[in-house]
C-alpha atoms as a PDB file:
ATOM      1  CA  UNK A   1       1.717  -1.080 -56.738  1.00  0.00           C
ATOM      2  CA  UNK A   2       4.197  -3.034 -54.624  1.00  0.00           C
ATOM      3  CA  UNK A   3       2.670  -5.497 -52.202  1.00  0.00           C
ATOM      4  CA  UNK A   4       4.235  -5.677 -48.737  1.00  0.00           C
ATOM      5  CA  UNK A   5       4.844  -9.165 -47.393  1.00  0.00           C
ATOM      6  CA  UNK A   6       2.660 -10.089 -44.372  1.00  0.00           C
ATOM      7  CA  UNK A   7       4.160  -8.836 -41.126  1.00  0.00           C
ATOM      8  CA  UNK A   8       5.155 -11.551 -38.703  1.00  0.00           C
ATOM      9  CA  UNK A   9       5.302 -10.475 -35.067  1.00  0.00           C
ATOM     10  CA  UNK A  10       8.517 -11.700 -33.410  1.00  0.00           C
ATOM     11  CA  UNK A  11       8.262 -14.079 -30.489  1.00  0.00           C
ATOM     12  CA  UNK A  12       9.176 -13.297 -26.911  1.00  0.00           C
ATOM     13  CA  UNK A  13      11.780 -15.437 -25.143  1.00  0.00           C
ATOM     14  CA  UNK A  14      10.268 -18.735 -24.003  1.00  0.00           C
ATOM     15  CA  UNK A  15      11.625 -18.328 -20.457  1.00  0.00           C
ATOM     16  CA  UNK A  16      11.364 -15.483 -17.992  1.00  0.00           C
ATOM     17  CA  UNK A  17       8.924 -12.605 -17.679  1.00  0.00           C
ATOM     18  CA  UNK A  18      11.120  -9.597 -16.883  1.00  0.00           C
ATOM     19  CA  UNK A  19      13.962  -8.568 -19.169  1.00  0.00           C
ATOM     20  CA  UNK A  20      16.545  -5.847 -19.629  1.00  0.00           C
ATOM     21  CA  UNK A  21      16.965  -4.498 -23.137  1.00  0.00           C
ATOM     22  CA  UNK A  22      20.307  -6.282 -23.414  1.00  0.00           C
ATOM     23  CA  UNK A  23      18.681  -9.610 -22.524  1.00  0.00           C
ATOM     24  CA  UNK A  24      16.080  -9.154 -25.256  1.00  0.00           C
ATOM     25  CA  UNK A  25      18.844  -8.334 -27.727  1.00  0.00           C
ATOM     26  CA  UNK A  26      20.705 -11.500 -26.672  1.00  0.00           C
ATOM     27  CA  UNK A  27      17.556 -13.528 -27.395  1.00  0.00           C
ATOM     28  CA  UNK A  28      17.541 -12.231 -30.981  1.00  0.00           C
ATOM     29  CA  UNK A  29      15.179  -9.258 -30.667  1.00  0.00           C
ATOM     30  CA  UNK A  30      16.499  -6.004 -32.090  1.00  0.00           C
ATOM     31  CA  UNK A  31      15.153  -2.545 -31.193  1.00  0.00           C
ATOM     32  CA  UNK A  32      12.588  -2.663 -34.014  1.00  0.00           C
ATOM     33  CA  UNK A  33      11.274  -6.035 -32.815  1.00  0.00           C
ATOM     34  CA  UNK A  34      11.010  -4.802 -29.226  1.00  0.00           C
ATOM     35  CA  UNK A  35       9.069  -1.745 -30.382  1.00  0.00           C
ATOM     36  CA  UNK A  36       6.706  -3.939 -32.403  1.00  0.00           C
ATOM     37  CA  UNK A  37       6.049  -6.212 -29.425  1.00  0.00           C
ATOM     38  CA  UNK A  38       5.212  -3.185 -27.286  1.00  0.00           C
ATOM     39  CA  UNK A  39       2.912  -1.698 -29.955  1.00  0.00           C
ATOM     40  CA  UNK A  40       1.067  -5.007 -30.354  1.00  0.00           C
ATOM     41  CA  UNK A  41       0.513  -5.436 -26.621  1.00  0.00           C
ATOM     42  CA  UNK A  42       2.849  -8.378 -26.089  1.00  0.00           C
ATOM     43  CA  UNK A  43       5.459  -6.488 -24.105  1.00  0.00           C
ATOM     44  CA  UNK A  44       5.134  -3.688 -21.531  1.00  0.00           C
ATOM     45  CA  UNK A  45       7.903  -1.171 -20.925  1.00  0.00           C
ATOM     46  CA  UNK A  46       8.071  -0.672 -17.164  1.00  0.00           C
ATOM     47  CA  UNK A  47      10.896   1.845 -17.196  1.00  0.00           C
ATOM     48  CA  UNK A  48      13.903   2.752 -19.314  1.00  0.00           C
ATOM     49  CA  UNK A  49      15.687  -0.450 -20.259  1.00  0.00           C
ATOM     50  CA  UNK A  50      13.296  -2.893 -18.587  1.00  0.00           C
ATOM     51  CA  UNK A  51      10.296  -4.791 -19.974  1.00  0.00           C
ATOM     52  CA  UNK A  52       7.754  -7.327 -18.721  1.00  0.00           C
ATOM     53  CA  UNK A  53       5.607  -9.888 -20.470  1.00  0.00           C
ATOM     54  CA  UNK A  54       2.247  -8.139 -21.071  1.00  0.00           C
ATOM     55  CA  UNK A  55       0.219 -11.264 -20.294  1.00  0.00           C
ATOM     56  CA  UNK A  56       1.641 -11.297 -16.753  1.00  0.00           C
ATOM     57  CA  UNK A  57       1.341  -7.524 -16.247  1.00  0.00           C
ATOM     58  CA  UNK A  58      -2.348  -7.522 -17.196  1.00  0.00           C
ATOM     59  CA  UNK A  59      -3.159 -10.115 -14.515  1.00  0.00           C
ATOM     60  CA  UNK A  60      -1.463  -8.248 -11.683  1.00  0.00           C
ATOM     61  CA  UNK A  61      -3.344  -6.141  -9.139  1.00  0.00           C
ATOM     62  CA  UNK A  62      -2.355  -2.526  -8.482  1.00  0.00           C
ATOM     63  CA  UNK A  63      -0.315  -3.332  -5.314  1.00  0.00           C
ATOM     64  CA  UNK A  64       1.519  -6.131  -7.141  1.00  0.00           C
ATOM     65  CA  UNK A  65       2.256  -3.821 -10.080  1.00  0.00           C
ATOM     66  CA  UNK A  66       3.704  -1.207  -7.726  1.00  0.00           C
ATOM     67  CA  UNK A  67       6.028  -3.816  -6.241  1.00  0.00           C
ATOM     68  CA  UNK A  68       6.860  -5.056  -9.735  1.00  0.00           C
ATOM     69  CA  UNK A  69       8.109  -1.570 -10.650  1.00  0.00           C
ATOM     70  CA  UNK A  70      10.588  -1.779  -7.776  1.00  0.00           C
ATOM     71  CA  UNK A  71      11.788  -5.141  -9.005  1.00  0.00           C
ATOM     72  CA  UNK A  72      12.042  -3.715 -12.522  1.00  0.00           C
ATOM     73  CA  UNK A  73      14.320  -0.989 -11.197  1.00  0.00           C
ATOM     74  CA  UNK A  74      16.473  -3.563  -9.424  1.00  0.00           C
ATOM     75  CA  UNK A  75      16.585  -5.774 -12.506  1.00  0.00           C
ATOM     76  CA  UNK A  76      17.258  -2.917 -14.885  1.00  0.00           C
ATOM     77  CA  UNK A  77      20.070  -1.449 -12.777  1.00  0.00           C
ATOM     78  CA  UNK A  78      21.504  -4.841 -11.813  1.00  0.00           C
ATOM     79  CA  UNK A  79      20.836  -4.060  -8.148  1.00  0.00           C
ATOM     80  CA  UNK A  80      21.411  -7.132  -5.986  1.00  0.00           C
ATOM     81  CA  UNK A  81      21.367  -7.931  -2.288  1.00  0.00           C
ATOM     82  CA  UNK A  82      25.028  -6.873  -2.120  1.00  0.00           C
ATOM     83  CA  UNK A  83      24.601  -3.653  -4.093  1.00  0.00           C
ATOM     84  CA  UNK A  84      24.957  -0.105  -2.837  1.00  0.00           C
ATOM     85  CA  UNK A  85      21.284   0.819  -3.035  1.00  0.00           C
ATOM     86  CA  UNK A  86      18.869   0.454  -0.155  1.00  0.00           C
ATOM     87  CA  UNK A  87      15.198   0.749  -1.075  1.00  0.00           C
ATOM     88  CA  UNK A  88      13.496   3.118   1.333  1.00  0.00           C
ATOM     89  CA  UNK A  89      10.423   5.198   2.140  1.00  0.00           C
ATOM     90  CA  UNK A  90       7.311   4.039   0.254  1.00  0.00           C
ATOM     91  CA  UNK A  91       9.343   1.596  -1.866  1.00  0.00           C
ATOM     92  CA  UNK A  92      10.436  -0.186   1.305  1.00  0.00           C
ATOM     93  CA  UNK A  93       6.861   0.044   2.593  1.00  0.00           C
ATOM     94  CA  UNK A  94       5.661  -1.834  -0.490  1.00  0.00           C
ATOM     95  CA  UNK A  95       8.279  -4.534   0.022  1.00  0.00           C
ATOM     96  CA  UNK A  96       7.125  -4.881   3.660  1.00  0.00           C
ATOM     97  CA  UNK A  97       3.524  -5.106   2.307  1.00  0.00           C
ATOM     98  CA  UNK A  98       2.440  -2.136   4.435  1.00  0.00           C
ATOM     99  CA  UNK A  99      -0.852  -0.382   3.794  1.00  0.00           C
ATOM    100  CA  UNK A 100      -0.371   2.749   1.701  1.00  0.00           C
ATOM    101  CA  UNK A 101      -2.990   5.319   0.812  1.00  0.00           C
ATOM    102  CA  UNK A 102      -2.839   7.828  -2.083  1.00  0.00           C
ATOM    103  CA  UNK A 103       0.880   7.235  -2.712  1.00  0.00           C
ATOM    104  CA  UNK A 104       2.562   7.305  -6.132  1.00  0.00           C
ATOM    105  CA  UNK A 105       5.004   4.766  -7.574  1.00  0.00           C
ATOM    106  CA  UNK A 106       8.186   6.830  -7.267  1.00  0.00           C
ATOM    107  CA  UNK A 107      11.173   4.589  -6.480  1.00  0.00           C
ATOM    108  CA  UNK A 108      12.929   5.728  -3.297  1.00  0.00           C
ATOM    109  CA  UNK A 109      16.552   4.853  -2.548  1.00  0.00           C
ATOM    110  CA  UNK A 110      18.994   5.500   0.267  1.00  0.00           C
ATOM    111  CA  UNK A 111      22.386   6.355  -1.206  1.00  0.00           C
ATOM    112  CA  UNK A 112      25.790   7.099   0.323  1.00  0.00           C
ATOM    113  CA  UNK A 113      25.999  10.326  -1.669  1.00  0.00           C
ATOM    114  CA  UNK A 114      23.673  12.575  -3.650  1.00  0.00           C
ATOM    115  CA  UNK A 115      23.868  11.736  -7.386  1.00  0.00           C
ATOM    116  CA  UNK A 116      22.437  13.845 -10.179  1.00  0.00           C
ATOM    117  CA  UNK A 117      18.727  13.373 -10.904  1.00  0.00           C
ATOM    118  CA  UNK A 118      19.627  12.579 -14.514  1.00  0.00           C
ATOM    119  CA  UNK A 119      21.586   9.541 -13.392  1.00  0.00           C
ATOM    120  CA  UNK A 120      18.826   8.228 -11.159  1.00  0.00           C
ATOM    121  CA  UNK A 121      16.005   8.727 -13.663  1.00  0.00           C
ATOM    122  CA  UNK A 122      12.759  10.657 -13.529  1.00  0.00           C
ATOM    123  CA  UNK A 123      10.958   7.907 -11.595  1.00  0.00           C
ATOM    124  CA  UNK A 124      13.578   7.646  -8.844  1.00  0.00           C
ATOM    125  CA  UNK A 125      14.245   9.829  -5.803  1.00  0.00           C
ATOM    126  CA  UNK A 126      17.479   9.507  -3.875  1.00  0.00           C
ATOM    127  CA  UNK A 127      17.903  10.165  -0.142  1.00  0.00           C
ATOM    128  CA  UNK A 128      21.139  10.496   1.787  1.00  0.00           C
ATOM    129  CA  UNK A 129      20.146  10.435   5.490  1.00  0.00           C
ATOM    130  CA  UNK A 130      22.669   8.042   7.071  1.00  0.00           C
ATOM    131  CA  UNK A 131      21.612   4.532   8.023  1.00  0.00           C
ATOM    132  CA  UNK A 132      23.038   1.756  10.185  1.00  0.00           C
ATOM    133  CA  UNK A 133      23.384  -1.943   9.430  1.00  0.00           C
ATOM    134  CA  UNK A 134      20.533  -2.698  11.848  1.00  0.00           C
ATOM    135  CA  UNK A 135      18.230  -0.481   9.765  1.00  0.00           C
ATOM    136  CA  UNK A 136      18.633  -2.629   6.635  1.00  0.00           C
ATOM    137  CA  UNK A 137      17.016  -6.010   5.945  1.00  0.00           C
ATOM    138  CA  UNK A 138      16.796  -8.202   2.868  1.00  0.00           C
ATOM    139  CA  UNK A 139      13.358  -8.933   1.420  1.00  0.00           C
ATOM    140  CA  UNK A 140      12.946 -10.927  -1.765  1.00  0.00           C
ATOM    141  CA  UNK A 141      16.642 -10.535  -2.514  1.00  0.00           C
ATOM    142  CA  UNK A 142      16.556  -6.737  -2.225  1.00  0.00           C
ATOM    143  CA  UNK A 143      18.105  -4.577   0.483  1.00  0.00           C
ATOM    144  CA  UNK A 144      15.387  -2.435   2.055  1.00  0.00           C
ATOM    145  CA  UNK A 145      15.076  -0.360   5.205  1.00  0.00           C
ATOM    146  CA  UNK A 146      13.834  -2.145   8.320  1.00  0.00           C
ATOM    147  CA  UNK A 147      10.191  -1.931   9.322  1.00  0.00           C
ATOM    148  CA  UNK A 148      10.867   0.767  11.929  1.00  0.00           C
ATOM    149  CA  UNK A 149      13.179   2.838   9.710  1.00  0.00           C
ATOM    150  CA  UNK A 150      10.601   2.608   6.932  1.00  0.00           C
ATOM    151  CA  UNK A 151       7.862   3.972   9.206  1.00  0.00           C
ATOM    152  CA  UNK A 152      10.062   6.882  10.286  1.00  0.00           C
ATOM    153  CA  UNK A 153      11.124   7.791   6.737  1.00  0.00           C
ATOM    154  CA  UNK A 154       7.597   7.561   5.362  1.00  0.00           C
ATOM    155  CA  UNK A 155       5.935   9.475   8.194  1.00  0.00           C
ATOM    156  CA  UNK A 156       8.417  12.333   7.787  1.00  0.00           C
ATOM    157  CA  UNK A 157       7.720  12.529   4.050  1.00  0.00           C
ATOM    158  CA  UNK A 158       3.956  11.896   3.831  1.00  0.00           C
ATOM    159  CA  UNK A 159       0.895  13.751   5.068  1.00  0.00           C
ATOM    160  CA  UNK A 160      -0.556  12.942   8.470  1.00  0.00           C
ATOM    161  CA  UNK A 161      -3.387  10.647   7.349  1.00  0.00           C
ATOM    162  CA  UNK A 162      -1.070   8.755   5.007  1.00  0.00           C
ATOM    163  CA  UNK A 163       1.446   8.373   7.843  1.00  0.00           C
ATOM    164  CA  UNK A 164      -1.238   7.173  10.251  1.00  0.00           C
ATOM    165  CA  UNK A 165      -2.438   4.482   7.819  1.00  0.00           C
ATOM    166  CA  UNK A 166       1.089   3.134   7.466  1.00  0.00           C
ATOM    167  CA  UNK A 167       1.957   3.395  11.173  1.00  0.00           C
ATOM    168  CA  UNK A 168      -1.202   1.558  12.235  1.00  0.00           C
ATOM    169  CA  UNK A 169      -0.345  -1.331   9.950  1.00  0.00           C
ATOM    170  CA  UNK A 170       3.344  -1.418  10.886  1.00  0.00           C
ATOM    171  CA  UNK A 171       2.440  -1.725  14.573  1.00  0.00           C
ATOM    172  CA  UNK A 172      -0.028  -4.459  13.670  1.00  0.00           C
ATOM    173  CA  UNK A 173       2.790  -6.307  11.891  1.00  0.00           C
ATOM    174  CA  UNK A 174       4.996  -6.062  14.959  1.00  0.00           C
ATOM    175  CA  UNK A 175       6.964  -2.823  14.638  1.00  0.00           C
ATOM    176  CA  UNK A 176       8.581  -1.839  17.954  1.00  0.00           C
ATOM    177  CA  UNK A 177       6.859   1.346  19.126  1.00  0.00           C
ATOM    178  CA  UNK A 178       9.496   2.003  21.788  1.00  0.00           C
ATOM    179  CA  UNK A 179      12.183   1.879  19.115  1.00  0.00           C
ATOM    180  CA  UNK A 180      10.130   4.152  16.860  1.00  0.00           C
ATOM    181  CA  UNK A 181       9.795   6.711  19.651  1.00  0.00           C
ATOM    182  CA  UNK A 182      13.528   6.504  20.328  1.00  0.00           C
ATOM    183  CA  UNK A 183      14.301   7.060  16.646  1.00  0.00           C
ATOM    184  CA  UNK A 184      11.969  10.067  16.635  1.00  0.00           C
ATOM    185  CA  UNK A 185      13.824  11.602  19.592  1.00  0.00           C
ATOM    186  CA  UNK A 186      17.041  11.529  17.582  1.00  0.00           C
ATOM    187  CA  UNK A 187      15.422  13.468  14.734  1.00  0.00           C
ATOM    188  CA  UNK A 188      14.185  16.460  16.701  1.00  0.00           C
ATOM    189  CA  UNK A 189      14.078  19.612  14.577  1.00  0.00           C
ATOM    190  CA  UNK A 190      14.029  17.788  11.240  1.00  0.00           C
ATOM    191  CA  UNK A 191      11.364  18.401   8.655  1.00  0.00           C
ATOM    192  CA  UNK A 192       8.416  16.036   9.132  1.00  0.00           C
ATOM    193  CA  UNK A 193       9.153  15.171  12.768  1.00  0.00           C
ATOM    194  CA  UNK A 194       5.843  16.649  13.958  1.00  0.00           C
ATOM    195  CA  UNK A 195       3.920  14.372  11.574  1.00  0.00           C
ATOM    196  CA  UNK A 196       5.893  11.355  12.793  1.00  0.00           C
ATOM    197  CA  UNK A 197       5.237  12.171  16.459  1.00  0.00           C
ATOM    198  CA  UNK A 198       1.550  12.795  15.799  1.00  0.00           C
ATOM    199  CA  UNK A 199       1.182   9.488  13.947  1.00  0.00           C
ATOM    200  CA  UNK A 200       2.917   7.612  16.773  1.00  0.00           C
ATOM    201  CA  UNK A 201       0.701   9.292  19.365  1.00  0.00           C
ATOM    202  CA  UNK A 202      -2.524   8.340  17.599  1.00  0.00           C
ATOM    203  CA  UNK A 203      -1.598   4.998  16.020  1.00  0.00           C
ATOM    204  CA  UNK A 204      -3.703   1.926  16.858  1.00  0.00           C
ATOM    205  CA  UNK A 205      -2.676  -1.545  15.654  1.00  0.00           C
ATOM    206  CA  UNK A 206      -6.279  -2.752  15.912  1.00  0.00           C
ATOM    207  CA  UNK A 207      -7.104  -1.091  12.570  1.00  0.00           C
ATOM    208  CA  UNK A 208      -7.194  -3.774   9.894  1.00  0.00           C
ATOM    209  CA  UNK A 209      -7.285  -1.582   6.785  1.00  0.00           C
ATOM    210  CA  UNK A 210      -6.539   1.887   5.500  1.00  0.00           C
ATOM    211  CA  UNK A 211     -10.285   2.558   5.497  1.00  0.00           C
ATOM    212  CA  UNK A 212     -10.610   1.716   9.188  1.00  0.00           C
ATOM    213  CA  UNK A 213      -7.677   3.986  10.043  1.00  0.00           C
ATOM    214  CA  UNK A 214      -9.176   6.877   8.087  1.00  0.00           C
ATOM    215  CA  UNK A 215     -12.572   6.262   9.695  1.00  0.00           C
ATOM    216  CA  UNK A 216     -11.033   6.499  13.166  1.00  0.00           C
ATOM    217  CA  UNK A 217      -9.121   9.646  12.188  1.00  0.00           C
ATOM    218  CA  UNK A 218     -12.321  11.244  10.879  1.00  0.00           C
ATOM    219  CA  UNK A 219     -14.224  10.454  14.083  1.00  0.00           C
ATOM    220  CA  UNK A 220     -11.458  12.041  16.132  1.00  0.00           C
ATOM    221  CA  UNK A 221     -11.204  15.110  13.908  1.00  0.00           C
ATOM    222  CA  UNK A 222     -14.962  15.682  14.045  1.00  0.00           C
ATOM    223  CA  UNK A 223     -14.796  15.355  17.843  1.00  0.00           C
ATOM    224  CA  UNK A 224     -17.412  12.591  17.859  1.00  0.00           C
ATOM    225  CA  UNK A 225     -17.715  10.025  20.668  1.00  0.00           C
ATOM    226  CA  UNK A 226     -15.121   7.374  19.871  1.00  0.00           C
ATOM    227  CA  UNK A 227     -16.327   3.779  19.413  1.00  0.00           C
ATOM    228  CA  UNK A 228     -14.380   0.682  20.394  1.00  0.00           C
ATOM    229  CA  UNK A 229     -12.676  -1.066  17.452  1.00  0.00           C
ATOM    230  CA  UNK A 230     -12.929  -4.781  16.610  1.00  0.00           C
ATOM    231  CA  UNK A 231     -15.811  -5.612  18.940  1.00  0.00           C
ATOM    232  CA  UNK A 232     -16.951  -9.241  19.263  1.00  0.00           C
ATOM    233  CA  UNK A 233     -20.706  -9.737  19.624  1.00  0.00           C
ATOM    234  CA  UNK A 234     -22.501 -13.032  20.315  1.00  0.00           C
ATOM    235  CA  UNK A 235     -25.735 -13.811  18.414  1.00  0.00           C
ATOM    236  CA  UNK A 236     -27.936 -16.847  17.790  1.00  0.00           C
ATOM    237  CA  UNK A 237     -25.936 -17.417  14.576  1.00  0.00           C
ATOM    238  CA  UNK A 238     -22.532 -17.218  16.234  1.00  0.00           C
ATOM    239  CA  UNK A 239     -19.997 -14.597  17.240  1.00  0.00           C
ATOM    240  CA  UNK A 240     -19.339 -11.679  14.911  1.00  0.00           C
ATOM    241  CA  UNK A 241     -16.728  -8.982  14.923  1.00  0.00           C
ATOM    242  CA  UNK A 242     -17.652  -5.361  14.214  1.00  0.00           C
ATOM    243  CA  UNK A 243     -15.191  -2.822  12.809  1.00  0.00           C
ATOM    244  CA  UNK A 244     -16.345  -0.258  15.386  1.00  0.00           C
ATOM    245  CA  UNK A 245     -19.095  -0.238  17.987  1.00  0.00           C
ATOM    246  CA  UNK A 246     -20.652   2.035  20.579  1.00  0.00           C
ATOM    247  CA  UNK A 247     -21.614  -0.908  22.778  1.00  0.00           C
ATOM    248  CA  UNK A 248     -23.776   1.058  25.204  1.00  0.00           C
ATOM    249  CA  UNK A 249     -25.858   2.367  22.293  1.00  0.00           C
ATOM    250  CA  UNK A 250     -25.735  -0.882  20.285  1.00  0.00           C
ATOM    251  CA  UNK A 251     -24.601   1.083  17.226  1.00  0.00           C
ATOM    252  CA  UNK A 252     -22.137  -0.548  14.832  1.00  0.00           C
ATOM    253  CA  UNK A 253     -19.995   1.335  12.310  1.00  0.00           C
ATOM    254  CA  UNK A 254     -18.672  -0.710   9.409  1.00  0.00           C
ATOM    255  CA  UNK A 255     -16.251   0.392   6.716  1.00  0.00           C
ATOM    256  CA  UNK A 256     -17.293  -1.237   3.435  1.00  0.00           C
ATOM    257  CA  UNK A 257     -14.102  -1.074   1.393  1.00  0.00           C
ATOM    258  CA  UNK A 258     -14.022  -2.922  -1.925  1.00  0.00           C
ATOM    259  CA  UNK A 259     -11.227  -5.219  -0.711  1.00  0.00           C
ATOM    260  CA  UNK A 260     -13.537  -6.566   1.980  1.00  0.00           C
ATOM    261  CA  UNK A 261     -15.661  -8.183  -0.712  1.00  0.00           C
ATOM    262  CA  UNK A 262     -13.358  -8.850  -3.628  1.00  0.00           C
ATOM    263  CA  UNK A 263      -9.893  -9.829  -2.405  1.00  0.00           C
ATOM    264  CA  UNK A 264     -10.486 -13.013  -0.464  1.00  0.00           C
ATOM    265  CA  UNK A 265     -13.838 -14.666  -1.204  1.00  0.00           C
ATOM    266  CA  UNK A 266     -16.307 -14.860  -4.108  1.00  0.00           C
ATOM    267  CA  UNK A 267     -18.543 -11.805  -4.118  1.00  0.00           C
ATOM    268  CA  UNK A 268     -21.832 -13.721  -3.850  1.00  0.00           C
ATOM    269  CA  UNK A 269     -20.628 -15.704  -0.827  1.00  0.00           C
ATOM    270  CA  UNK A 270     -19.271 -12.600   0.920  1.00  0.00           C
ATOM    271  CA  UNK A 271     -22.472 -10.640   0.423  1.00  0.00           C
ATOM    272  CA  UNK A 272     -24.634 -13.557   1.595  1.00  0.00           C
ATOM    273  CA  UNK A 273     -22.617 -14.003   4.787  1.00  0.00           C
ATOM    274  CA  UNK A 274     -22.710 -10.251   5.401  1.00  0.00           C
ATOM    275  CA  UNK A 275     -26.516 -10.234   5.144  1.00  0.00           C
ATOM    276  CA  UNK A 276     -26.809 -13.197   7.532  1.00  0.00           C
ATOM    277  CA  UNK A 277     -24.476 -11.498   9.989  1.00  0.00           C
ATOM    278  CA  UNK A 278     -26.347  -8.196   9.907  1.00  0.00           C
ATOM    279  CA  UNK A 279     -29.725  -9.936  10.243  1.00  0.00           C
ATOM    280  CA  UNK A 280     -28.613 -11.767  13.381  1.00  0.00           C
ATOM    281  CA  UNK A 281     -27.188  -8.595  14.925  1.00  0.00           C
ATOM    282  CA  UNK A 282     -30.272  -6.543  14.045  1.00  0.00           C
ATOM    283  CA  UNK A 283     -32.425  -9.103  15.834  1.00  0.00           C
ATOM    284  CA  UNK A 284     -30.280  -8.403  18.903  1.00  0.00           C
ATOM    285  CA  UNK A 285     -31.116  -4.703  18.683  1.00  0.00           C
ATOM    286  CA  UNK A 286     -28.041  -3.413  16.835  1.00  0.00           C
ATOM    287  CA  UNK A 287     -28.193  -0.441  14.447  1.00  0.00           C
ATOM    288  CA  UNK A 288     -25.733  -0.318  11.531  1.00  0.00           C
ATOM    289  CA  UNK A 289     -23.943   2.626   9.970  1.00  0.00           C
ATOM    290  CA  UNK A 290     -22.063   1.772   6.797  1.00  0.00           C
ATOM    291  CA  UNK A 291     -19.206   3.918   5.553  1.00  0.00           C
ATOM    292  CA  UNK A 292     -17.712   3.819   2.043  1.00  0.00           C
ATOM    293  CA  UNK A 293     -14.620   5.530   0.634  1.00  0.00           C
ATOM    294  CA  UNK A 294     -16.815   8.335  -0.710  1.00  0.00           C
ATOM    295  CA  UNK A 295     -18.281   8.964   2.764  1.00  0.00           C
ATOM    296  CA  UNK A 296     -14.824   9.805   4.092  1.00  0.00           C
ATOM    297  CA  UNK A 297     -14.984  12.986   2.037  1.00  0.00           C
ATOM    298  CA  UNK A 298     -18.574  13.937   2.955  1.00  0.00           C
ATOM    299  CA  UNK A 299     -17.667  14.838   6.487  1.00  0.00           C
ATOM    300  CA  UNK A 300     -20.672  16.961   7.530  1.00  0.00           C
ATOM    301  CA  UNK A 301     -23.100  14.324   6.241  1.00  0.00           C
ATOM    302  CA  UNK A 302     -21.166  11.594   8.045  1.00  0.00           C
ATOM    303  CA  UNK A 303     -21.194  13.550  11.323  1.00  0.00           C
ATOM    304  CA  UNK A 304     -24.951  14.039  11.091  1.00  0.00           C
ATOM    305  CA  UNK A 305     -25.496  10.306  10.478  1.00  0.00           C
ATOM    306  CA  UNK A 306     -23.396   9.302  13.482  1.00  0.00           C
ATOM    307  CA  UNK A 307     -25.066  11.776  15.820  1.00  0.00           C
ATOM    308  CA  UNK A 308     -28.514  10.709  14.632  1.00  0.00           C
ATOM    309  CA  UNK A 309     -27.705   7.020  15.225  1.00  0.00           C
ATOM    310  CA  UNK A 310     -26.298   7.692  18.686  1.00  0.00           C
ATOM    311  CA  UNK A 311     -29.265   9.864  19.604  1.00  0.00           C
ATOM    312  CA  UNK A 312     -31.890   7.207  18.915  1.00  0.00           C
END
């Protein structure tokens, strides 16, 4: 029986975190070594010809990973700020840090002509609707569509609720609604224009999250009395802001998305402050309705809860 010598896993380059295959080869790693590093969880293949250090990838949140895939495309294809690609649609939305809901990680590009899908790759979708210089900005070294052009492209491609989530946030970030409406006028008759117009008609920059946008959309669709968003209420413990409130009924509606508790502050501190806030408001006669992501899809139950609270 022949004994095999102990396998020694090759080392990754000491500098950098994102590499093209050619860069790994230049650092002394052949195809077999790259495959071994992937199999042993030291290297993650993001797309054809582009890899990232696994230790970094594992620490990244889902939104950061989605943006990292765009950067992997740019790195792998040698796209630079002076290149011919313009990142668009949901890829541009990610670079603008816009709220997205139920959207995949397909890479979207504006191109001067329509190339074959084989050349672009399975994870890339090309678009050829003309653009102007004013509709392109540079973010993080990449050419992407402007905030307004991004809203228009996304709204004409996505479903209504997805478009509304993004449009709310874009307006909150300062998108020019007059310009958006003007751009929509120039696209009359195109596929998706009705969704764009509907999103612009119902958008509200006061929504602070995708959950709040979807809550407002659900209230409207169920033809329930609409509350006022972002209501400030004074209590003995200070002033608090409610996601939604029917002030005349003293009924508050709060969307309890996970990000509210986990993205910015330690969980224990956030929950403690939330309890103190609700206690002070309850002492002032307020009733609370709490909505989770799951409640958005239990519409009849949600409607009954709202009507019962308003009827007290």
